[in-house]
Amino acid sequence: GLGAVTVWSATFQPLVFRRTPKLIRQSDPETYHLSLV
């Protein structure tokens, strides 16, 4: 945690991530996500 900004590293097995309209209505942190592959 860098105050309001968050930085992380992750290692994981193959995944499918899904953000649906319903999940967005339930909770939206209003952030931009930038990820270096």
PDB file of all heavy atoms in Angstrom:
ATOM      1  N   GLY A   1       0.828  -1.199   0.000  1.00  0.00           N
ATOM      2  CA  GLY A   1       0.000   0.000   0.000  1.00  0.00           C
ATOM      3  C   GLY A   1       0.863   1.249   0.000  1.00  0.00           C
ATOM      4  O   GLY A   1       1.719   1.421   0.879  1.00  0.00           O
ATOM      5  N   LEU A   2       0.645   2.107  -0.979  1.00  0.00           N
ATOM      6  CA  LEU A   2       1.345   3.394  -1.054  1.00  0.00           C
ATOM      7  C   LEU A   2       0.319   4.503  -0.870  1.00  0.00           C
ATOM      8  O   LEU A   2       0.060   5.297  -1.770  1.00  0.00           O
ATOM      9  CB  LEU A   2       2.064   3.552  -2.402  1.00  0.00           C
ATOM     10  CG  LEU A   2       2.985   2.424  -2.849  1.00  0.00           C
ATOM     11  CD1 LEU A   2       3.609   2.772  -4.202  1.00  0.00           C
ATOM     12  CD2 LEU A   2       4.053   2.151  -1.818  1.00  0.00           C
ATOM     13  N   GLY A   3      -0.289   4.546   0.289  1.00  0.00           N
ATOM     14  CA  GLY A   3      -1.379   5.489   0.476  1.00  0.00           C
ATOM     15  C   GLY A   3      -2.569   5.060  -0.359  1.00  0.00           C
ATOM     16  O   GLY A   3      -3.062   3.940  -0.231  1.00  0.00           O
ATOM     17  N   ALA A   4      -3.023   5.942  -1.258  1.00  0.00           N
ATOM     18  CA  ALA A   4      -4.180   5.619  -2.092  1.00  0.00           C
ATOM     19  C   ALA A   4      -3.833   4.669  -3.226  1.00  0.00           C
ATOM     20  O   ALA A   4      -4.715   4.051  -3.822  1.00  0.00           O
ATOM     21  CB  ALA A   4      -4.792   6.901  -2.657  1.00  0.00           C
ATOM     22  N   VAL A   5      -2.547   4.553  -3.552  1.00  0.00           N
ATOM     23  CA  VAL A   5      -2.093   3.707  -4.658  1.00  0.00           C
ATOM     24  C   VAL A   5      -1.661   2.349  -4.110  1.00  0.00           C
ATOM     25  O   VAL A   5      -1.079   2.262  -3.028  1.00  0.00           O
ATOM     26  CB  VAL A   5      -0.931   4.381  -5.411  1.00  0.00           C
ATOM     27  CG1 VAL A   5      -0.407   3.490  -6.527  1.00  0.00           C
ATOM     28  CG2 VAL A   5      -1.375   5.729  -5.971  1.00  0.00           C
ATOM     29  N   THR A   6      -1.946   1.293  -4.867  1.00  0.00           N
ATOM     30  CA  THR A   6      -1.564  -0.061  -4.471  1.00  0.00           C
ATOM     31  C   THR A   6      -0.677  -0.681  -5.538  1.00  0.00           C
ATOM     32  O   THR A   6      -0.962  -0.576  -6.729  1.00  0.00           O
ATOM     33  CB  THR A   6      -2.806  -0.953  -4.283  1.00  0.00           C
ATOM     34  OG1 THR A   6      -3.674  -0.359  -3.317  1.00  0.00           O
ATOM     35  CG2 THR A   6      -2.415  -2.341  -3.793  1.00  0.00           C
ATOM     36  N   VAL A   7       0.414  -1.313  -5.108  1.00  0.00           N
ATOM     37  CA  VAL A   7       1.329  -2.019  -5.998  1.00  0.00           C
ATOM     38  C   VAL A   7       1.425  -3.455  -5.530  1.00  0.00           C
ATOM     39  O   VAL A   7       1.431  -3.714  -4.328  1.00  0.00           O
ATOM     40  CB  VAL A   7       2.726  -1.370  -5.999  1.00  0.00           C
ATOM     41  CG1 VAL A   7       3.694  -2.156  -6.876  1.00  0.00           C
ATOM     42  CG2 VAL A   7       2.648   0.072  -6.463  1.00  0.00           C
ATOM     43  N   TRP A   8       1.481  -4.393  -6.470  1.00  0.00           N
ATOM     44  CA  TRP A   8       1.633  -5.781  -6.059  1.00  0.00           C
ATOM     45  C   TRP A   8       2.316  -6.598  -7.140  1.00  0.00           C
ATOM     46  O   TRP A   8       2.381  -6.218  -8.312  1.00  0.00           O
ATOM     47  CB  TRP A   8       0.285  -6.404  -5.704  1.00  0.00           C
ATOM     48  CG  TRP A   8      -0.592  -6.758  -6.862  1.00  0.00           C
ATOM     49  CD1 TRP A   8      -0.631  -7.941  -7.533  1.00  0.00           C
ATOM     50  CD2 TRP A   8      -1.555  -5.915  -7.488  1.00  0.00           C
ATOM     51  NE1 TRP A   8      -1.565  -7.882  -8.539  1.00  0.00           N
ATOM     52  CE2 TRP A   8      -2.150  -6.655  -8.531  1.00  0.00           C
ATOM     53  CE3 TRP A   8      -1.983  -4.606  -7.268  1.00  0.00           C
ATOM     54  CZ2 TRP A   8      -3.129  -6.121  -9.348  1.00  0.00           C
ATOM     55  CZ3 TRP A   8      -2.958  -4.090  -8.082  1.00  0.00           C
ATOM     56  CH2 TRP A   8      -3.522  -4.836  -9.102  1.00  0.00           C
ATOM     57  N   SER A   9       2.831  -7.739  -6.706  1.00  0.00           N
ATOM     58  CA  SER A   9       3.337  -8.744  -7.631  1.00  0.00           C
ATOM     59  C   SER A   9       2.552 -10.020  -7.394  1.00  0.00           C
ATOM     60  O   SER A   9       2.149 -10.305  -6.260  1.00  0.00           O
ATOM     61  CB  SER A   9       4.832  -8.995  -7.407  1.00  0.00           C
ATOM     62  OG  SER A   9       5.063  -9.480  -6.097  1.00  0.00           O
ATOM     63  N   ALA A  10       2.342 -10.791  -8.441  1.00  0.00           N
ATOM     64  CA  ALA A  10       1.552 -12.017  -8.324  1.00  0.00           C
ATOM     65  C   ALA A  10       2.095 -13.084  -9.264  1.00  0.00           C
ATOM     66  O   ALA A  10       2.539 -12.777 -10.375  1.00  0.00           O
ATOM     67  CB  ALA A  10       0.079 -11.744  -8.642  1.00  0.00           C
ATOM     68  N   THR A  11       2.064 -14.310  -8.785  1.00  0.00           N
ATOM     69  CA  THR A  11       2.392 -15.480  -9.590  1.00  0.00           C
ATOM     70  C   THR A  11       1.260 -16.476  -9.394  1.00  0.00           C
ATOM     71  O   THR A  11       0.899 -16.775  -8.244  1.00  0.00           O
ATOM     72  CB  THR A  11       3.728 -16.098  -9.150  1.00  0.00           C
ATOM     73  OG1 THR A  11       4.759 -15.115  -9.242  1.00  0.00           O
ATOM     74  CG2 THR A  11       4.094 -17.294 -10.025  1.00  0.00           C
ATOM     75  N   PHE A  12       0.676 -16.974 -10.496  1.00  0.00           N
ATOM     76  CA  PHE A  12      -0.497 -17.834 -10.352  1.00  0.00           C
ATOM     77  C   PHE A  12      -0.648 -18.723 -11.578  1.00  0.00           C
ATOM     78  O   PHE A  12      -0.047 -18.476 -12.646  1.00  0.00           O
ATOM     79  CB  PHE A  12      -1.766 -16.987 -10.154  1.00  0.00           C
ATOM     80  CG  PHE A  12      -1.962 -15.904 -11.182  1.00  0.00           C
ATOM     81  CD1 PHE A  12      -2.688 -16.129 -12.345  1.00  0.00           C
ATOM     82  CD2 PHE A  12      -1.418 -14.641 -10.984  1.00  0.00           C
ATOM     83  CE1 PHE A  12      -2.864 -15.148 -13.288  1.00  0.00           C
ATOM     84  CE2 PHE A  12      -1.584 -13.633 -11.927  1.00  0.00           C
ATOM     85  CZ  PHE A  12      -2.313 -13.882 -13.082  1.00  0.00           C
ATOM     86  N   GLN A  13      -1.455 -19.752 -11.420  1.00  0.00           N
ATOM     87  CA  GLN A  13      -1.762 -20.635 -12.536  1.00  0.00           C
ATOM     88  C   GLN A  13      -2.831 -19.982 -13.417  1.00  0.00           C
ATOM     89  O   GLN A  13      -3.505 -19.040 -13.007  1.00  0.00           O
ATOM     90  CB  GLN A  13      -2.225 -21.992 -12.002  1.00  0.00           C
ATOM     91  CG  GLN A  13      -1.091 -22.759 -11.335  1.00  0.00           C
ATOM     92  CD  GLN A  13      -1.535 -24.119 -10.806  1.00  0.00           C
ATOM     93  OE1 GLN A  13      -2.387 -24.197  -9.932  1.00  0.00           O
ATOM     94  NE2 GLN A  13      -0.937 -25.180 -11.332  1.00  0.00           N
ATOM     95  N   PRO A  14      -2.992 -20.483 -14.657  1.00  0.00           N
ATOM     96  CA  PRO A  14      -3.911 -19.828 -15.604  1.00  0.00           C
ATOM     97  C   PRO A  14      -5.307 -19.621 -15.025  1.00  0.00           C
ATOM     98  O   PRO A  14      -5.852 -20.497 -14.342  1.00  0.00           O
ATOM     99  CB  PRO A  14      -3.931 -20.800 -16.790  1.00  0.00           C
ATOM    100  CG  PRO A  14      -2.606 -21.468 -16.745  1.00  0.00           C
ATOM    101  CD  PRO A  14      -2.289 -21.630 -15.283  1.00  0.00           C
ATOM    102  N   LEU A  15      -5.860 -18.454 -15.316  1.00  0.00           N
ATOM    103  CA  LEU A  15      -7.154 -18.045 -14.781  1.00  0.00           C
ATOM    104  C   LEU A  15      -7.948 -17.296 -15.840  1.00  0.00           C
ATOM    105  O   LEU A  15      -7.389 -16.747 -16.791  1.00  0.00           O
ATOM    106  CB  LEU A  15      -6.975 -17.092 -13.593  1.00  0.00           C
ATOM    107  CG  LEU A  15      -6.696 -17.640 -12.204  1.00  0.00           C
ATOM    108  CD1 LEU A  15      -6.376 -16.490 -11.269  1.00  0.00           C
ATOM    109  CD2 LEU A  15      -7.890 -18.420 -11.678  1.00  0.00           C
ATOM    110  N   VAL A  16      -9.256 -17.236 -15.620  1.00  0.00           N
ATOM    111  CA  VAL A  16     -10.128 -16.304 -16.315  1.00  0.00           C
ATOM    112  C   VAL A  16     -10.723 -15.382 -15.254  1.00  0.00           C
ATOM    113  O   VAL A  16     -11.332 -15.854 -14.284  1.00  0.00           O
ATOM    114  CB  VAL A  16     -11.257 -17.007 -17.093  1.00  0.00           C
ATOM    115  CG1 VAL A  16     -12.174 -15.973 -17.739  1.00  0.00           C
ATOM    116  CG2 VAL A  16     -10.673 -17.945 -18.143  1.00  0.00           C
ATOM    117  N   PHE A  17     -10.497 -14.073 -15.394  1.00  0.00           N
ATOM    118  CA  PHE A  17     -11.056 -13.065 -14.485  1.00  0.00           C
ATOM    119  C   PHE A  17     -12.255 -12.426 -15.176  1.00  0.00           C
ATOM    120  O   PHE A  17     -12.155 -12.017 -16.336  1.00  0.00           O
ATOM    121  CB  PHE A  17     -10.033 -11.963 -14.181  1.00  0.00           C
ATOM    122  CG  PHE A  17      -8.716 -12.439 -13.639  1.00  0.00           C
ATOM    123  CD1 PHE A  17      -7.721 -12.883 -14.493  1.00  0.00           C
ATOM    124  CD2 PHE A  17      -8.461 -12.416 -12.272  1.00  0.00           C
ATOM    125  CE1 PHE A  17      -6.487 -13.294 -14.003  1.00  0.00           C
ATOM    126  CE2 PHE A  17      -7.240 -12.825 -11.775  1.00  0.00           C
ATOM    127  CZ  PHE A  17      -6.252 -13.269 -12.635  1.00  0.00           C
ATOM    128  N   ARG A  18     -13.347 -12.274 -14.449  1.00  0.00           N
ATOM    129  CA  ARG A  18     -14.536 -11.649 -15.047  1.00  0.00           C
ATOM    130  C   ARG A  18     -15.111 -10.609 -14.087  1.00  0.00           C
ATOM    131  O   ARG A  18     -15.364 -10.892 -12.910  1.00  0.00           O
ATOM    132  CB  ARG A  18     -15.587 -12.711 -15.378  1.00  0.00           C
ATOM    133  CG  ARG A  18     -16.950 -12.123 -15.757  1.00  0.00           C
ATOM    134  CD  ARG A  18     -17.885 -13.170 -16.321  1.00  0.00           C
ATOM    135  NE  ARG A  18     -17.483 -13.551 -17.679  1.00  0.00           N
ATOM    136  CZ  ARG A  18     -18.168 -14.413 -18.428  1.00  0.00           C
ATOM    137  NH1 ARG A  18     -19.244 -15.012 -17.949  1.00  0.00           N
ATOM    138  NH2 ARG A  18     -17.754 -14.684 -19.650  1.00  0.00           N
ATOM    139  N   ARG A  19     -15.280  -9.382 -14.632  1.00  0.00           N
ATOM    140  CA  ARG A  19     -16.006  -8.331 -13.916  1.00  0.00           C
ATOM    141  C   ARG A  19     -17.309  -8.108 -14.668  1.00  0.00           C
ATOM    142  O   ARG A  19     -17.322  -7.668 -15.815  1.00  0.00           O
ATOM    143  CB  ARG A  19     -15.195  -7.027 -13.910  1.00  0.00           C
ATOM    144  CG  ARG A  19     -14.141  -6.953 -12.842  1.00  0.00           C
ATOM    145  CD  ARG A  19     -14.688  -6.632 -11.472  1.00  0.00           C
ATOM    146  NE  ARG A  19     -15.023  -5.222 -11.306  1.00  0.00           N
ATOM    147  CZ  ARG A  19     -15.694  -4.749 -10.261  1.00  0.00           C
ATOM    148  NH1 ARG A  19     -16.157  -5.570  -9.331  1.00  0.00           N
ATOM    149  NH2 ARG A  19     -15.940  -3.455 -10.158  1.00  0.00           N
ATOM    150  N   THR A  20     -18.428  -8.424 -14.021  1.00  0.00           N
ATOM    151  CA  THR A  20     -19.744  -8.315 -14.646  1.00  0.00           C
ATOM    152  C   THR A  20     -20.413  -7.005 -14.237  1.00  0.00           C
ATOM    153  O   THR A  20     -20.042  -6.389 -13.229  1.00  0.00           O
ATOM    154  CB  THR A  20     -20.626  -9.485 -14.212  1.00  0.00           C
ATOM    155  OG1 THR A  20     -20.869  -9.383 -12.791  1.00  0.00           O
ATOM    156  CG2 THR A  20     -19.951 -10.820 -14.521  1.00  0.00           C
ATOM    157  N   PRO A  21     -21.421  -6.556 -14.992  1.00  0.00           N
ATOM    158  CA  PRO A  21     -22.157  -5.357 -14.578  1.00  0.00           C
ATOM    159  C   PRO A  21     -22.731  -5.484 -13.167  1.00  0.00           C
ATOM    160  O   PRO A  21     -22.749  -4.501 -12.412  1.00  0.00           O
ATOM    161  CB  PRO A  21     -23.259  -5.249 -15.636  1.00  0.00           C
ATOM    162  CG  PRO A  21     -22.674  -5.914 -16.845  1.00  0.00           C
ATOM    163  CD  PRO A  21     -21.851  -7.043 -16.318  1.00  0.00           C
ATOM    164  N   LYS A  22     -23.181  -6.676 -12.808  1.00  0.00           N
ATOM    165  CA  LYS A  22     -23.747  -6.873 -11.465  1.00  0.00           C
ATOM    166  C   LYS A  22     -22.682  -6.654 -10.390  1.00  0.00           C
ATOM    167  O   LYS A  22     -22.931  -5.984  -9.382  1.00  0.00           O
ATOM    168  CB  LYS A  22     -24.328  -8.281 -11.361  1.00  0.00           C
ATOM    169  CG  LYS A  22     -24.938  -8.582  -9.999  1.00  0.00           C
ATOM    170  CD  LYS A  22     -25.529  -9.979  -9.966  1.00  0.00           C
ATOM    171  CE  LYS A  22     -26.122 -10.292  -8.580  1.00  0.00           C
ATOM    172  NZ  LYS A  22     -26.692 -11.656  -8.532  1.00  0.00           N
ATOM    173  N   LEU A  23     -21.491  -7.209 -10.594  1.00  0.00           N
ATOM    174  CA  LEU A  23     -20.418  -7.022  -9.614  1.00  0.00           C
ATOM    175  C   LEU A  23     -19.995  -5.561  -9.533  1.00  0.00           C
ATOM    176  O   LEU A  23     -19.671  -5.063  -8.448  1.00  0.00           O
ATOM    177  CB  LEU A  23     -19.223  -7.899  -9.976  1.00  0.00           C
ATOM    178  CG  LEU A  23     -19.394  -9.406  -9.771  1.00  0.00           C
ATOM    179  CD1 LEU A  23     -18.186 -10.157 -10.310  1.00  0.00           C
ATOM    180  CD2 LEU A  23     -19.589  -9.718  -8.292  1.00  0.00           C
ATOM    181  N   ILE A  24     -19.998  -4.873 -10.668  1.00  0.00           N
ATOM    182  CA  ILE A  24     -19.626  -3.460 -10.670  1.00  0.00           C
ATOM    183  C   ILE A  24     -20.642  -2.642  -9.887  1.00  0.00           C
ATOM    184  O   ILE A  24     -20.284  -1.733  -9.121  1.00  0.00           O
ATOM    185  CB  ILE A  24     -19.492  -2.947 -12.113  1.00  0.00           C
ATOM    186  CG1 ILE A  24     -18.297  -3.619 -12.799  1.00  0.00           C
ATOM    187  CG2 ILE A  24     -19.337  -1.423 -12.139  1.00  0.00           C
ATOM    188  CD1 ILE A  24     -18.224  -3.369 -14.281  1.00  0.00           C
ATOM    189  N   ARG A  25     -21.928  -2.960 -10.052  1.00  0.00           N
ATOM    190  CA  ARG A  25     -22.959  -2.250  -9.282  1.00  0.00           C
ATOM    191  C   ARG A  25     -22.812  -2.527  -7.791  1.00  0.00           C
ATOM    192  O   ARG A  25     -23.049  -1.639  -6.961  1.00  0.00           O
ATOM    193  CB  ARG A  25     -24.351  -2.664  -9.757  1.00  0.00           C
ATOM    194  CG  ARG A  25     -24.733  -2.118 -11.133  1.00  0.00           C
ATOM    195  CD  ARG A  25     -26.223  -2.289 -11.389  1.00  0.00           C
ATOM    196  NE  ARG A  25     -26.611  -3.700 -11.396  1.00  0.00           N
ATOM    197  CZ  ARG A  25     -26.612  -4.479 -12.479  1.00  0.00           C
ATOM    198  NH1 ARG A  25     -26.232  -3.974 -13.654  1.00  0.00           N
ATOM    199  NH2 ARG A  25     -26.992  -5.742 -12.405  1.00  0.00           N
ATOM    200  N   GLN A  26     -22.421  -3.730  -7.443  1.00  0.00           N
ATOM    201  CA  GLN A  26     -22.272  -4.091  -6.036  1.00  0.00           C
ATOM    202  C   GLN A  26     -21.070  -3.400  -5.391  1.00  0.00           C
ATOM    203  O   GLN A  26     -21.130  -2.975  -4.237  1.00  0.00           O
ATOM    204  CB  GLN A  26     -22.130  -5.604  -5.889  1.00  0.00           C
ATOM    205  CG  GLN A  26     -23.392  -6.373  -6.199  1.00  0.00           C
ATOM    206  CD  GLN A  26     -23.171  -7.879  -6.145  1.00  0.00           C
ATOM    207  OE1 GLN A  26     -22.044  -8.359  -6.007  1.00  0.00           O
ATOM    208  NE2 GLN A  26     -24.259  -8.634  -6.241  1.00  0.00           N
ATOM    209  N   SER A  27     -19.976  -3.310  -6.142  1.00  0.00           N
ATOM    210  CA  SER A  27     -18.761  -2.740  -5.569  1.00  0.00           C
ATOM    211  C   SER A  27     -17.842  -2.262  -6.680  1.00  0.00           C
ATOM    212  O   SER A  27     -17.421  -3.049  -7.524  1.00  0.00           O
ATOM    213  CB  SER A  27     -18.020  -3.790  -4.721  1.00  0.00           C
ATOM    214  OG  SER A  27     -16.799  -3.283  -4.237  1.00  0.00           O
ATOM    215  N   ASP A  28     -17.560  -0.961  -6.690  1.00  0.00           N
ATOM    216  CA  ASP A  28     -16.649  -0.400  -7.677  1.00  0.00           C
ATOM    217  C   ASP A  28     -15.685   0.545  -6.968  1.00  0.00           C
ATOM    218  O   ASP A  28     -16.062   1.643  -6.557  1.00  0.00           O
ATOM    219  CB  ASP A  28     -17.405   0.342  -8.774  1.00  0.00           C
ATOM    220  CG  ASP A  28     -16.468   0.874  -9.852  1.00  0.00           C
ATOM    221  OD1 ASP A  28     -15.266   0.562  -9.793  1.00  0.00           O
ATOM    222  OD2 ASP A  28     -16.941   1.589 -10.749  1.00  0.00           O
ATOM    223  N   PRO A  29     -14.412   0.134  -6.812  1.00  0.00           N
ATOM    224  CA  PRO A  29     -13.440   1.014  -6.160  1.00  0.00           C
ATOM    225  C   PRO A  29     -13.007   2.199  -7.015  1.00  0.00           C
ATOM    226  O   PRO A  29     -12.234   3.031  -6.554  1.00  0.00           O
ATOM    227  CB  PRO A  29     -12.255   0.076  -5.892  1.00  0.00           C
ATOM    228  CG  PRO A  29     -12.378  -0.994  -6.927  1.00  0.00           C
ATOM    229  CD  PRO A  29     -13.851  -1.182  -7.145  1.00  0.00           C
ATOM    230  N   GLU A  30     -13.498   2.279  -8.272  1.00  0.00           N
ATOM    231  CA  GLU A  30     -13.181   3.404  -9.164  1.00  0.00           C
ATOM    232  C   GLU A  30     -11.669   3.553  -9.340  1.00  0.00           C
ATOM    233  O   GLU A  30     -11.071   4.581  -9.009  1.00  0.00           O
ATOM    234  CB  GLU A  30     -13.780   4.698  -8.611  1.00  0.00           C
ATOM    235  CG  GLU A  30     -15.295   4.751  -8.634  1.00  0.00           C
ATOM    236  CD  GLU A  30     -15.836   5.203  -9.989  1.00  0.00           C
ATOM    237  OE1 GLU A  30     -15.067   5.807 -10.751  1.00  0.00           O
ATOM    238  OE2 GLU A  30     -17.013   4.949 -10.271  1.00  0.00           O
ATOM    239  N   THR A  31     -11.053   2.509  -9.865  1.00  0.00           N
ATOM    240  CA  THR A  31      -9.608   2.520 -10.062  1.00  0.00           C
ATOM    241  C   THR A  31      -9.234   2.137 -11.486  1.00  0.00           C
ATOM    242  O   THR A  31      -9.989   1.450 -12.184  1.00  0.00           O
ATOM    243  CB  THR A  31      -8.906   1.535  -9.105  1.00  0.00           C
ATOM    244  OG1 THR A  31      -9.434   0.218  -9.315  1.00  0.00           O
ATOM    245  CG2 THR A  31      -9.098   1.936  -7.663  1.00  0.00           C
ATOM    246  N   TYR A  32      -8.054   2.605 -11.889  1.00  0.00           N
ATOM    247  CA  TYR A  32      -7.401   2.084 -13.077  1.00  0.00           C
ATOM    248  C   TYR A  32      -6.401   1.014 -12.641  1.00  0.00           C
ATOM    249  O   TYR A  32      -5.707   1.172 -11.637  1.00  0.00           O
ATOM    250  CB  TYR A  32      -6.656   3.189 -13.838  1.00  0.00           C
ATOM    251  CG  TYR A  32      -7.555   4.138 -14.573  1.00  0.00           C
ATOM    252  CD1 TYR A  32      -7.657   5.468 -14.185  1.00  0.00           C
ATOM    253  CD2 TYR A  32      -8.300   3.718 -15.676  1.00  0.00           C
ATOM    254  CE1 TYR A  32      -8.485   6.354 -14.861  1.00  0.00           C
ATOM    255  CE2 TYR A  32      -9.123   4.592 -16.357  1.00  0.00           C
ATOM    256  CZ  TYR A  32      -9.216   5.903 -15.949  1.00  0.00           C
ATOM    257  OH  TYR A  32     -10.037   6.775 -16.626  1.00  0.00           O
ATOM    258  N   HIS A  33      -6.356  -0.046 -13.400  1.00  0.00           N
ATOM    259  CA  HIS A  33      -5.472  -1.178 -13.113  1.00  0.00           C
ATOM    260  C   HIS A  33      -4.453  -1.279 -14.250  1.00  0.00           C
ATOM    261  O   HIS A  33      -4.825  -1.353 -15.422  1.00  0.00           O
ATOM    262  CB  HIS A  33      -6.310  -2.453 -13.014  1.00  0.00           C
ATOM    263  CG  HIS A  33      -5.509  -3.717 -12.963  1.00  0.00           C
ATOM    264  ND1 HIS A  33      -5.406  -4.479 -11.824  1.00  0.00           N
ATOM    265  CD2 HIS A  33      -4.772  -4.365 -13.909  1.00  0.00           C
ATOM    266  CE1 HIS A  33      -4.642  -5.535 -12.074  1.00  0.00           C
ATOM    267  NE2 HIS A  33      -4.246  -5.480 -13.337  1.00  0.00           N
ATOM    268  N   LEU A  34      -3.171  -1.249 -13.900  1.00  0.00           N
ATOM    269  CA  LEU A  34      -2.107  -1.390 -14.893  1.00  0.00           C
ATOM    270  C   LEU A  34      -1.230  -2.566 -14.479  1.00  0.00           C
ATOM    271  O   LEU A  34      -0.748  -2.605 -13.345  1.00  0.00           O
ATOM    272  CB  LEU A  34      -1.263  -0.126 -15.010  1.00  0.00           C
ATOM    273  CG  LEU A  34      -1.993   1.120 -15.520  1.00  0.00           C
ATOM    274  CD1 LEU A  34      -2.555   1.935 -14.364  1.00  0.00           C
ATOM    275  CD2 LEU A  34      -1.051   1.986 -16.349  1.00  0.00           C
ATOM    276  N   SER A  35      -1.064  -3.511 -15.364  1.00  0.00           N
ATOM    277  CA  SER A  35      -0.350  -4.734 -15.034  1.00  0.00           C
ATOM    278  C   SER A  35       0.745  -5.007 -16.064  1.00  0.00           C
ATOM    279  O   SER A  35       0.477  -5.048 -17.265  1.00  0.00           O
ATOM    280  CB  SER A  35      -1.326  -5.918 -14.975  1.00  0.00           C
ATOM    281  OG  SER A  35      -0.658  -7.097 -14.603  1.00  0.00           O
ATOM    282  N   LEU A  36       1.972  -5.191 -15.574  1.00  0.00           N
ATOM    283  CA  LEU A  36       3.092  -5.581 -16.427  1.00  0.00           C
ATOM    284  C   LEU A  36       3.130  -7.101 -16.507  1.00  0.00           C
ATOM    285  O   LEU A  36       3.251  -7.782 -15.482  1.00  0.00           O
ATOM    286  CB  LEU A  36       4.404  -5.056 -15.847  1.00  0.00           C
ATOM    287  CG  LEU A  36       5.693  -5.598 -16.472  1.00  0.00           C
ATOM    288  CD1 LEU A  36       5.818  -5.144 -17.924  1.00  0.00           C
ATOM    289  CD2 LEU A  36       6.904  -5.173 -15.659  1.00  0.00           C
ATOM    290  N   VAL A  37       3.008  -7.645 -17.717  1.00  0.00           N
ATOM    291  CA  VAL A  37       3.079  -9.086 -17.909  1.00  0.00           C
ATOM    292  C   VAL A  37       4.557  -9.479 -17.940  1.00  0.00           C
ATOM    293  O   VAL A  37       5.278  -9.130 -18.879  1.00  0.00           O
ATOM    294  CB  VAL A  37       2.376  -9.505 -19.219  1.00  0.00           C
ATOM    295  CG1 VAL A  37       2.447 -11.026 -19.384  1.00  0.00           C
ATOM    296  CG2 VAL A  37       0.930  -9.032 -19.222  1.00  0.00           C
TER     297      VAL A  37
END
